[in-house]
Amino acid sequence: MPVLAPDWPTISSLVTGAGTLVLAVATFAAVRSANRSARIAETALQEQRGPVLTQSRLEDPLQKLMFVDGHWVGAAGGRAVAEHLDGSVYLAISLRNVGSGIGVCQGWTVRAGLGTSLTMPAPASPEEFRLQSRDLYVPAGDIGMWQGALRNPDDPARATTAEAIDARRPITIELLYSDQVGLQRTITRFGLVPTADSWLASVTRHWYLDWDGPRPDHEVRAAVDVLKRDWDAAGRHAATRAAAAAPNDDATAAQTAANVPGEPHRTP
């Protein structure tokens, strides 16, 4: 009976191939794990140095700063400055950095009127921002101040902003800022609302230019659509109630007129 001898070269090749496959799978898993760890480390680093600017608290102290022309302004906690003097517009906001990294102001825009997600769904483009001529750093977990001025008589923004200040109407300011290495660019929109003797500042939106952020734009747009539908429904309901009450008002007015005593009737 013939004896079958094992084909050792073939067996060796199969074993080598299986070992290579196992090594490739292990290498792929290790690379994926390393990439995931790198992404987690990068996200953690971003969180550690990411600034988030808001208005300061109402109990925060008064802050003062000087403009390049020697004009001084001061803003208490939670407040802003909007002044129109001798043709120049001076703007300032008392800020608080609620993030964990230093905030560096890069630029700003101003528009008359109160910008909301309904009336102004998108921020100004980065090209529209006026660059800061002064280094304005807001420390993490602390307060700071932003300032901007409009002096050019031919600047349309100066004219509209000055008119809004004189008429005591709201103003919208958007700040473009980054972390201390110039990354994590963020746009924050502030609304300045006049009160009896000052201007209150409040944040309405944040936009993150280098990543999606915690609230993607499509989710905000969906929320705005719901708000608009609710607003329209409330308006239709109010109009229906007003129309239903109009005949009753006319009848009441006619009855009142009938009950008013007039000239006595004289018999000829």
C-alpha atoms as a PDB file:
ATOM      1  CA  MET A   1       0.000   0.000   0.000  1.00  0.00           C
ATOM      2  CA  PRO A   2       1.505   3.357  -0.958  1.00  0.00           C
ATOM      3  CA  VAL A   3       2.252   5.748   1.905  1.00  0.00           C
ATOM      4  CA  LEU A   4       1.063   9.382   1.407  1.00  0.00           C
ATOM      5  CA  ALA A   5       3.799  11.788   2.428  1.00  0.00           C
ATOM      6  CA  PRO A   6       2.743  15.258   3.676  1.00  0.00           C
ATOM      7  CA  ASP A   7       3.358  18.154   1.304  1.00  0.00           C
ATOM      8  CA  TRP A   8       5.379  20.254   3.724  1.00  0.00           C
ATOM      9  CA  PRO A   9       6.042  23.165   1.338  1.00  0.00           C
ATOM     10  CA  THR A  10       2.283  23.643   0.767  1.00  0.00           C
ATOM     11  CA  ILE A  11       1.497  23.356   4.447  1.00  0.00           C
ATOM     12  CA  SER A  12       4.225  25.855   5.257  1.00  0.00           C
ATOM     13  CA  SER A  13       2.836  28.322   2.715  1.00  0.00           C
ATOM     14  CA  LEU A  14      -0.684  27.988   4.133  1.00  0.00           C
ATOM     15  CA  VAL A  15       0.522  28.528   7.691  1.00  0.00           C
ATOM     16  CA  THR A  16       2.563  31.541   6.618  1.00  0.00           C
ATOM     17  CA  GLY A  17      -0.428  33.004   4.776  1.00  0.00           C
ATOM     18  CA  ALA A  18      -2.693  32.487   7.775  1.00  0.00           C
ATOM     19  CA  GLY A  19      -0.165  34.144  10.057  1.00  0.00           C
ATOM     20  CA  THR A  20       0.154  37.090   7.693  1.00  0.00           C
ATOM     21  CA  LEU A  21      -3.636  37.466   7.588  1.00  0.00           C
ATOM     22  CA  VAL A  22      -3.872  37.430  11.381  1.00  0.00           C
ATOM     23  CA  LEU A  23      -1.092  39.991  11.606  1.00  0.00           C
ATOM     24  CA  ALA A  24      -2.826  42.231   9.034  1.00  0.00           C
ATOM     25  CA  VAL A  25      -6.111  42.092  10.963  1.00  0.00           C
ATOM     26  CA  ALA A  26      -4.333  42.906  14.201  1.00  0.00           C
ATOM     27  CA  THR A  27      -2.464  45.794  12.549  1.00  0.00           C
ATOM     28  CA  PHE A  28      -5.708  47.185  11.081  1.00  0.00           C
ATOM     29  CA  ALA A  29      -7.435  47.031  14.473  1.00  0.00           C
ATOM     30  CA  ALA A  30      -4.471  48.721  16.139  1.00  0.00           C
ATOM     31  CA  VAL A  31      -4.411  51.503  13.533  1.00  0.00           C
ATOM     32  CA  ARG A  32      -8.165  52.094  13.949  1.00  0.00           C
ATOM     33  CA  SER A  33      -7.768  52.206  17.714  1.00  0.00           C
ATOM     34  CA  ALA A  34      -4.853  54.611  17.414  1.00  0.00           C
ATOM     35  CA  ASN A  35      -6.836  56.881  15.072  1.00  0.00           C
ATOM     36  CA  ARG A  36      -9.786  56.850  17.450  1.00  0.00           C
ATOM     37  CA  SER A  37      -7.506  57.688  20.359  1.00  0.00           C
ATOM     38  CA  ALA A  38      -5.935  60.512  18.347  1.00  0.00           C
ATOM     39  CA  ARG A  39      -9.367  61.960  17.549  1.00  0.00           C
ATOM     40  CA  ILE A  40     -10.383  61.759  21.203  1.00  0.00           C
ATOM     41  CA  ALA A  41      -7.139  63.457  22.238  1.00  0.00           C
ATOM     42  CA  GLU A  42      -7.643  66.179  19.598  1.00  0.00           C
ATOM     43  CA  THR A  43     -11.226  66.792  20.761  1.00  0.00           C
ATOM     44  CA  ALA A  44     -10.080  66.960  24.378  1.00  0.00           C
ATOM     45  CA  LEU A  45      -7.361  69.462  23.430  1.00  0.00           C
ATOM     46  CA  GLN A  46      -9.913  71.607  21.574  1.00  0.00           C
ATOM     47  CA  GLU A  47     -12.202  71.587  24.590  1.00  0.00           C
ATOM     48  CA  GLN A  48      -9.324  72.602  26.849  1.00  0.00           C
ATOM     49  CA  ARG A  49      -8.474  75.672  24.793  1.00  0.00           C
ATOM     50  CA  GLY A  50     -11.863  76.521  23.250  1.00  0.00           C
ATOM     51  CA  PRO A  51     -13.290  79.983  24.126  1.00  0.00           C
ATOM     52  CA  VAL A  52     -17.010  80.776  24.287  1.00  0.00           C
ATOM     53  CA  LEU A  53     -17.873  84.455  24.687  1.00  0.00           C
ATOM     54  CA  THR A  54     -21.147  85.672  26.190  1.00  0.00           C
ATOM     55  CA  GLN A  55     -22.325  88.809  27.930  1.00  0.00           C
ATOM     56  CA  SER A  56     -20.968  89.222  31.437  1.00  0.00           C
ATOM     57  CA  ARG A  57     -23.132  88.664  34.502  1.00  0.00           C
ATOM     58  CA  LEU A  58     -25.183  91.519  35.894  1.00  0.00           C
ATOM     59  CA  GLU A  59     -23.190  91.346  39.143  1.00  0.00           C
ATOM     60  CA  ASP A  60     -19.814  91.581  37.366  1.00  0.00           C
ATOM     61  CA  PRO A  61     -17.875  94.804  38.038  1.00  0.00           C
ATOM     62  CA  LEU A  62     -17.776  97.902  35.877  1.00  0.00           C
ATOM     63  CA  GLN A  63     -15.092  97.827  33.168  1.00  0.00           C
ATOM     64  CA  LYS A  64     -13.569 100.846  31.460  1.00  0.00           C
ATOM     65  CA  LEU A  65     -11.452 101.238  28.353  1.00  0.00           C
ATOM     66  CA  MET A  66     -10.106 104.011  26.162  1.00  0.00           C
ATOM     67  CA  PHE A  67     -10.353 104.413  22.405  1.00  0.00           C
ATOM     68  CA  VAL A  68      -7.430 105.524  20.287  1.00  0.00           C
ATOM     69  CA  ASP A  69      -8.784 109.087  20.134  1.00  0.00           C
ATOM     70  CA  GLY A  70      -8.789 109.345  23.933  1.00  0.00           C
ATOM     71  CA  HIS A  71     -12.520 108.763  24.439  1.00  0.00           C
ATOM     72  CA  TRP A  72     -13.320 106.689  27.531  1.00  0.00           C
ATOM     73  CA  VAL A  73     -16.332 104.390  28.003  1.00  0.00           C
ATOM     74  CA  GLY A  74     -17.439 102.087  30.791  1.00  0.00           C
ATOM     75  CA  ALA A  75     -19.858  99.165  30.904  1.00  0.00           C
ATOM     76  CA  ALA A  76     -21.270  97.449  33.961  1.00  0.00           C
ATOM     77  CA  GLY A  77     -21.958  93.720  34.108  1.00  0.00           C
ATOM     78  CA  GLY A  78     -24.278  92.436  31.400  1.00  0.00           C
ATOM     79  CA  ARG A  79     -24.288  95.775  29.629  1.00  0.00           C
ATOM     80  CA  ALA A  80     -22.867  97.435  26.553  1.00  0.00           C
ATOM     81  CA  VAL A  81     -21.991 100.895  25.265  1.00  0.00           C
ATOM     82  CA  ALA A  82     -23.462 102.542  22.152  1.00  0.00           C
ATOM     83  CA  GLU A  83     -22.628 106.216  21.806  1.00  0.00           C
ATOM     84  CA  HIS A  84     -22.900 108.689  18.932  1.00  0.00           C
ATOM     85  CA  LEU A  85     -20.700 111.704  19.634  1.00  0.00           C
ATOM     86  CA  ASP A  86     -19.517 114.353  17.169  1.00  0.00           C
ATOM     87  CA  GLY A  87     -20.153 112.077  14.210  1.00  0.00           C
ATOM     88  CA  SER A  88     -18.281 109.101  15.679  1.00  0.00           C
ATOM     89  CA  VAL A  89     -19.908 105.875  16.878  1.00  0.00           C
ATOM     90  CA  TYR A  90     -18.386 104.118  19.901  1.00  0.00           C
ATOM     91  CA  LEU A  91     -19.382 100.533  20.704  1.00  0.00           C
ATOM     92  CA  ALA A  92     -18.311  98.248  23.558  1.00  0.00           C
ATOM     93  CA  ILE A  93     -19.580  95.084  25.280  1.00  0.00           C
ATOM     94  CA  SER A  94     -18.811  93.699  28.718  1.00  0.00           C
ATOM     95  CA  LEU A  95     -17.895  90.054  28.026  1.00  0.00           C
ATOM     96  CA  ARG A  96     -17.454  86.836  29.960  1.00  0.00           C
ATOM     97  CA  ASN A  97     -15.571  83.832  28.592  1.00  0.00           C
ATOM     98  CA  VAL A  98     -17.465  80.716  29.718  1.00  0.00           C
ATOM     99  CA  GLY A  99     -15.105  78.447  27.758  1.00  0.00           C
ATOM    100  CA  SER A 100     -11.906  76.834  28.986  1.00  0.00           C
ATOM    101  CA  GLY A 101      -9.467  78.632  26.668  1.00  0.00           C
ATOM    102  CA  ILE A 102      -8.357  82.206  26.027  1.00  0.00           C
ATOM    103  CA  GLY A 103     -10.544  84.069  23.525  1.00  0.00           C
ATOM    104  CA  VAL A 104      -8.827  86.339  20.989  1.00  0.00           C
ATOM    105  CA  CYS A 105     -11.086  88.854  19.230  1.00  0.00           C
ATOM    106  CA  GLN A 106     -10.329  88.935  15.502  1.00  0.00           C
ATOM    107  CA  GLY A 107     -13.076  91.074  13.957  1.00  0.00           C
ATOM    108  CA  TRP A 108     -16.615  92.446  14.210  1.00  0.00           C
ATOM    109  CA  THR A 109     -19.659  93.623  12.290  1.00  0.00           C
ATOM    110  CA  VAL A 110     -22.594  95.813  13.298  1.00  0.00           C
ATOM    111  CA  ARG A 111     -26.112  96.113  11.911  1.00  0.00           C
ATOM    112  CA  ALA A 112     -29.086  98.167  12.994  1.00  0.00           C
ATOM    113  CA  GLY A 113     -32.016  96.151  14.315  1.00  0.00           C
ATOM    114  CA  LEU A 114     -32.279  93.070  16.497  1.00  0.00           C
ATOM    115  CA  GLY A 115     -31.046  90.007  14.626  1.00  0.00           C
ATOM    116  CA  THR A 116     -32.759  86.699  15.423  1.00  0.00           C
ATOM    117  CA  SER A 117     -32.673  83.225  13.908  1.00  0.00           C
ATOM    118  CA  LEU A 118     -35.902  84.168  12.131  1.00  0.00           C
ATOM    119  CA  THR A 119     -34.907  87.584  10.746  1.00  0.00           C
ATOM    120  CA  MET A 120     -31.149  86.948  10.298  1.00  0.00           C
ATOM    121  CA  PRO A 121     -30.655  83.165  10.029  1.00  0.00           C
ATOM    122  CA  ALA A 122     -27.003  83.367   8.938  1.00  0.00           C
ATOM    123  CA  PRO A 123     -24.068  85.404  10.225  1.00  0.00           C
ATOM    124  CA  ALA A 124     -22.015  87.798   8.165  1.00  0.00           C
ATOM    125  CA  SER A 125     -19.340  86.169   6.014  1.00  0.00           C
ATOM    126  CA  PRO A 126     -15.784  86.293   7.404  1.00  0.00           C
ATOM    127  CA  GLU A 127     -14.842  88.748   4.635  1.00  0.00           C
ATOM    128  CA  GLU A 128     -17.376  91.283   5.977  1.00  0.00           C
ATOM    129  CA  PHE A 129     -15.788  91.518   9.425  1.00  0.00           C
ATOM    130  CA  ARG A 130     -13.769  94.578  10.373  1.00  0.00           C
ATOM    131  CA  LEU A 131     -10.383  93.546  11.751  1.00  0.00           C
ATOM    132  CA  GLN A 132      -9.475  94.507  15.295  1.00  0.00           C
ATOM    133  CA  SER A 133      -6.630  97.010  15.485  1.00  0.00           C
ATOM    134  CA  ARG A 134      -6.134  96.281  19.178  1.00  0.00           C
ATOM    135  CA  ASP A 135      -5.293  92.926  20.758  1.00  0.00           C
ATOM    136  CA  LEU A 136      -8.312  91.967  22.852  1.00  0.00           C
ATOM    137  CA  TYR A 137      -7.833  88.786  24.903  1.00  0.00           C
ATOM    138  CA  VAL A 138     -10.581  87.440  27.169  1.00  0.00           C
ATOM    139  CA  PRO A 139      -9.241  84.978  29.778  1.00  0.00           C
ATOM    140  CA  ALA A 140     -10.990  81.667  30.368  1.00  0.00           C
ATOM    141  CA  GLY A 141     -13.606  81.810  33.098  1.00  0.00           C
ATOM    142  CA  ASP A 142     -13.185  85.558  33.517  1.00  0.00           C
ATOM    143  CA  ILE A 143     -14.447  88.868  32.169  1.00  0.00           C
ATOM    144  CA  GLY A 144     -13.121  91.125  29.450  1.00  0.00           C
ATOM    145  CA  MET A 145     -14.302  93.864  27.137  1.00  0.00           C
ATOM    146  CA  TRP A 146     -14.709  94.341  23.410  1.00  0.00           C
ATOM    147  CA  GLN A 147     -14.590  97.696  21.631  1.00  0.00           C
ATOM    148  CA  GLY A 148     -15.166  99.035  18.142  1.00  0.00           C
ATOM    149  CA  ALA A 149     -15.666 102.447  16.541  1.00  0.00           C
ATOM    150  CA  LEU A 150     -17.082 103.877  13.316  1.00  0.00           C
ATOM    151  CA  ARG A 151     -15.671 107.251  12.241  1.00  0.00           C
ATOM    152  CA  ASN A 152     -15.701 107.355   8.443  1.00  0.00           C
ATOM    153  CA  PRO A 153     -18.505 109.736   7.333  1.00  0.00           C
ATOM    154  CA  ASP A 154     -18.872 107.772   4.064  1.00  0.00           C
ATOM    155  CA  ASP A 155     -19.346 104.430   5.840  1.00  0.00           C
ATOM    156  CA  PRO A 156     -23.008 103.315   5.434  1.00  0.00           C
ATOM    157  CA  ALA A 157     -22.754 101.238   8.615  1.00  0.00           C
ATOM    158  CA  ARG A 158     -21.816 104.356  10.587  1.00  0.00           C
ATOM    159  CA  ALA A 159     -24.892 106.226   9.359  1.00  0.00           C
ATOM    160  CA  THR A 160     -27.386 103.428  10.076  1.00  0.00           C
ATOM    161  CA  THR A 161     -25.840 102.628  13.457  1.00  0.00           C
ATOM    162  CA  ALA A 162     -25.777 106.286  14.502  1.00  0.00           C
ATOM    163  CA  GLU A 163     -29.434 106.617  13.512  1.00  0.00           C
ATOM    164  CA  ALA A 164     -30.358 103.547  15.582  1.00  0.00           C
ATOM    165  CA  ILE A 165     -28.451 104.892  18.602  1.00  0.00           C
ATOM    166  CA  ASP A 166     -30.106 108.314  18.371  1.00  0.00           C
ATOM    167  CA  ALA A 167     -33.546 106.710  18.030  1.00  0.00           C
ATOM    168  CA  ARG A 168     -32.826 104.225  20.881  1.00  0.00           C
ATOM    169  CA  ARG A 169     -33.415 101.185  18.686  1.00  0.00           C
ATOM    170  CA  PRO A 170     -31.730  97.747  19.095  1.00  0.00           C
ATOM    171  CA  ILE A 171     -28.380  96.988  17.466  1.00  0.00           C
ATOM    172  CA  THR A 172     -26.847  93.666  16.435  1.00  0.00           C
ATOM    173  CA  ILE A 173     -23.098  93.045  16.783  1.00  0.00           C
ATOM    174  CA  GLU A 174     -21.295  89.888  15.674  1.00  0.00           C
ATOM    175  CA  LEU A 175     -17.828  89.086  17.027  1.00  0.00           C
ATOM    176  CA  LEU A 176     -15.357  86.806  15.268  1.00  0.00           C
ATOM    177  CA  TYR A 177     -12.812  85.276  17.652  1.00  0.00           C
ATOM    178  CA  SER A 178     -10.480  82.306  17.971  1.00  0.00           C
ATOM    179  CA  ASP A 179      -8.411  80.435  20.505  1.00  0.00           C
ATOM    180  CA  GLN A 180      -4.900  81.582  21.391  1.00  0.00           C
ATOM    181  CA  VAL A 181      -3.321  79.833  18.377  1.00  0.00           C
ATOM    182  CA  GLY A 182      -5.791  81.258  15.875  1.00  0.00           C
ATOM    183  CA  LEU A 183      -7.924  78.126  15.517  1.00  0.00           C
ATOM    184  CA  GLN A 184     -11.503  77.217  16.536  1.00  0.00           C
ATOM    185  CA  ARG A 185     -12.894  80.330  14.869  1.00  0.00           C
ATOM    186  CA  THR A 186     -16.275  81.256  16.285  1.00  0.00           C
ATOM    187  CA  ILE A 187     -18.876  83.926  15.512  1.00  0.00           C
ATOM    188  CA  THR A 188     -21.105  85.052  18.367  1.00  0.00           C
ATOM    189  CA  ARG A 189     -24.059  87.357  17.787  1.00  0.00           C
ATOM    190  CA  PHE A 190     -24.940  89.913  20.452  1.00  0.00           C
ATOM    191  CA  GLY A 191     -28.103  91.944  20.649  1.00  0.00           C
ATOM    192  CA  LEU A 192     -27.853  95.403  22.223  1.00  0.00           C
ATOM    193  CA  VAL A 193     -31.201  96.577  23.588  1.00  0.00           C
ATOM    194  CA  PRO A 194     -31.633 100.103  24.982  1.00  0.00           C
ATOM    195  CA  THR A 195     -32.981 100.623  28.498  1.00  0.00           C
ATOM    196  CA  ALA A 196     -33.738 103.805  30.402  1.00  0.00           C
ATOM    197  CA  ASP A 197     -30.095 104.704  31.029  1.00  0.00           C
ATOM    198  CA  SER A 198     -27.931 101.983  29.416  1.00  0.00           C
ATOM    199  CA  TRP A 199     -27.797  99.183  26.853  1.00  0.00           C
ATOM    200  CA  LEU A 200     -28.328  95.530  27.785  1.00  0.00           C
ATOM    201  CA  ALA A 201     -26.266  92.918  25.928  1.00  0.00           C
ATOM    202  CA  SER A 202     -27.416  89.368  25.261  1.00  0.00           C
ATOM    203  CA  VAL A 203     -26.182  86.474  23.116  1.00  0.00           C
ATOM    204  CA  THR A 204     -28.546  85.041  20.518  1.00  0.00           C
ATOM    205  CA  ARG A 205     -26.408  82.629  18.444  1.00  0.00           C
ATOM    206  CA  HIS A 206     -22.996  80.963  18.138  1.00  0.00           C
ATOM    207  CA  TRP A 207     -21.516  79.730  14.845  1.00  0.00           C
ATOM    208  CA  TYR A 208     -18.422  77.504  14.632  1.00  0.00           C
ATOM    209  CA  LEU A 209     -16.515  77.990  11.384  1.00  0.00           C
ATOM    210  CA  ASP A 210     -14.043  75.095  11.686  1.00  0.00           C
ATOM    211  CA  TRP A 211     -16.410  72.347  12.869  1.00  0.00           C
ATOM    212  CA  ASP A 212     -20.136  71.596  13.089  1.00  0.00           C
ATOM    213  CA  GLY A 213     -20.532  72.584  16.726  1.00  0.00           C
ATOM    214  CA  PRO A 214     -23.071  71.228  19.232  1.00  0.00           C
ATOM    215  CA  ARG A 215     -26.076  72.547  17.234  1.00  0.00           C
ATOM    216  CA  PRO A 216     -25.850  71.894  13.481  1.00  0.00           C
ATOM    217  CA  ASP A 217     -27.463  74.482  11.221  1.00  0.00           C
ATOM    218  CA  HIS A 218     -30.125  72.079   9.931  1.00  0.00           C
ATOM    219  CA  GLU A 219     -31.399  71.540  13.479  1.00  0.00           C
ATOM    220  CA  VAL A 220     -31.567  75.284  14.104  1.00  0.00           C
ATOM    221  CA  ARG A 221     -33.397  75.796  10.802  1.00  0.00           C
ATOM    222  CA  ALA A 222     -35.901  73.118  11.808  1.00  0.00           C
ATOM    223  CA  ALA A 223     -36.483  74.890  15.140  1.00  0.00           C
ATOM    224  CA  VAL A 224     -36.971  78.207  13.306  1.00  0.00           C
ATOM    225  CA  ASP A 225     -39.522  76.584  10.978  1.00  0.00           C
ATOM    226  CA  VAL A 226     -41.492  75.334  13.981  1.00  0.00           C
ATOM    227  CA  LEU A 227     -41.342  78.791  15.556  1.00  0.00           C
ATOM    228  CA  LYS A 228     -42.553  80.419  12.335  1.00  0.00           C
ATOM    229  CA  ARG A 229     -45.471  77.991  12.045  1.00  0.00           C
ATOM    230  CA  ASP A 230     -46.457  78.653  15.655  1.00  0.00           C
ATOM    231  CA  TRP A 231     -46.162  82.386  15.079  1.00  0.00           C
ATOM    232  CA  ASP A 232     -48.345  82.247  11.959  1.00  0.00           C
ATOM    233  CA  ALA A 233     -50.929  80.066  13.720  1.00  0.00           C
ATOM    234  CA  ALA A 234     -51.103  82.507  16.632  1.00  0.00           C
ATOM    235  CA  GLY A 235     -51.551  85.395  14.193  1.00  0.00           C
ATOM    236  CA  ARG A 236     -54.393  83.631  12.364  1.00  0.00           C
ATOM    237  CA  HIS A 237     -56.074  82.797  15.659  1.00  0.00           C
ATOM    238  CA  ALA A 238     -55.839  86.403  16.835  1.00  0.00           C
ATOM    239  CA  ALA A 239     -57.265  87.646  13.516  1.00  0.00           C
ATOM    240  CA  THR A 240     -60.167  85.185  13.765  1.00  0.00           C
ATOM    241  CA  ARG A 241     -60.996  86.295  17.289  1.00  0.00           C
ATOM    242  CA  ALA A 242     -60.836  89.943  16.269  1.00  0.00           C
ATOM    243  CA  ALA A 243     -63.152  89.332  13.310  1.00  0.00           C
ATOM    244  CA  ALA A 244     -65.612  87.444  15.510  1.00  0.00           C
ATOM    245  CA  ALA A 245     -65.639  90.229  18.070  1.00  0.00           C
ATOM    246  CA  ALA A 246     -66.191  92.988  15.481  1.00  0.00           C
ATOM    247  CA  PRO A 247     -69.993  92.424  14.949  1.00  0.00           C
ATOM    248  CA  ASN A 248     -70.540  92.359  18.701  1.00  0.00           C
ATOM    249  CA  ASP A 249     -68.666  95.623  19.029  1.00  0.00           C
ATOM    250  CA  ASP A 250     -70.822  97.196  16.292  1.00  0.00           C
ATOM    251  CA  ALA A 251     -74.016  95.989  17.978  1.00  0.00           C
ATOM    252  CA  THR A 252     -72.871  97.342  21.328  1.00  0.00           C
ATOM    253  CA  ALA A 253     -72.064 100.695  19.773  1.00  0.00           C
ATOM    254  CA  ALA A 254     -75.494 100.860  18.103  1.00  0.00           C
ATOM    255  CA  GLN A 255     -77.258  99.962  21.338  1.00  0.00           C
ATOM    256  CA  THR A 256     -75.304 102.626  23.189  1.00  0.00           C
ATOM    257  CA  ALA A 257     -76.219 105.231  20.604  1.00  0.00           C
ATOM    258  CA  ALA A 258     -79.901 104.274  20.864  1.00  0.00           C
ATOM    259  CA  ASN A 259     -79.859 104.726  24.630  1.00  0.00           C
ATOM    260  CA  VAL A 260     -78.379 108.221  24.476  1.00  0.00           C
ATOM    261  CA  PRO A 261     -81.160 110.756  25.189  1.00  0.00           C
ATOM    262  CA  GLY A 262     -81.653 113.295  22.424  1.00  0.00           C
ATOM    263  CA  GLU A 263     -83.923 116.286  21.875  1.00  0.00           C
ATOM    264  CA  PRO A 264     -87.442 115.846  23.267  1.00  0.00           C
ATOM    265  CA  HIS A 265     -90.098 115.104  20.666  1.00  0.00           C
ATOM    266  CA  ARG A 266     -92.436 118.028  20.057  1.00  0.00           C
ATOM    267  CA  THR A 267     -95.978 117.583  18.799  1.00  0.00           C
ATOM    268  CA  PRO A 268     -96.994 120.221  16.318  1.00  0.00           C
END
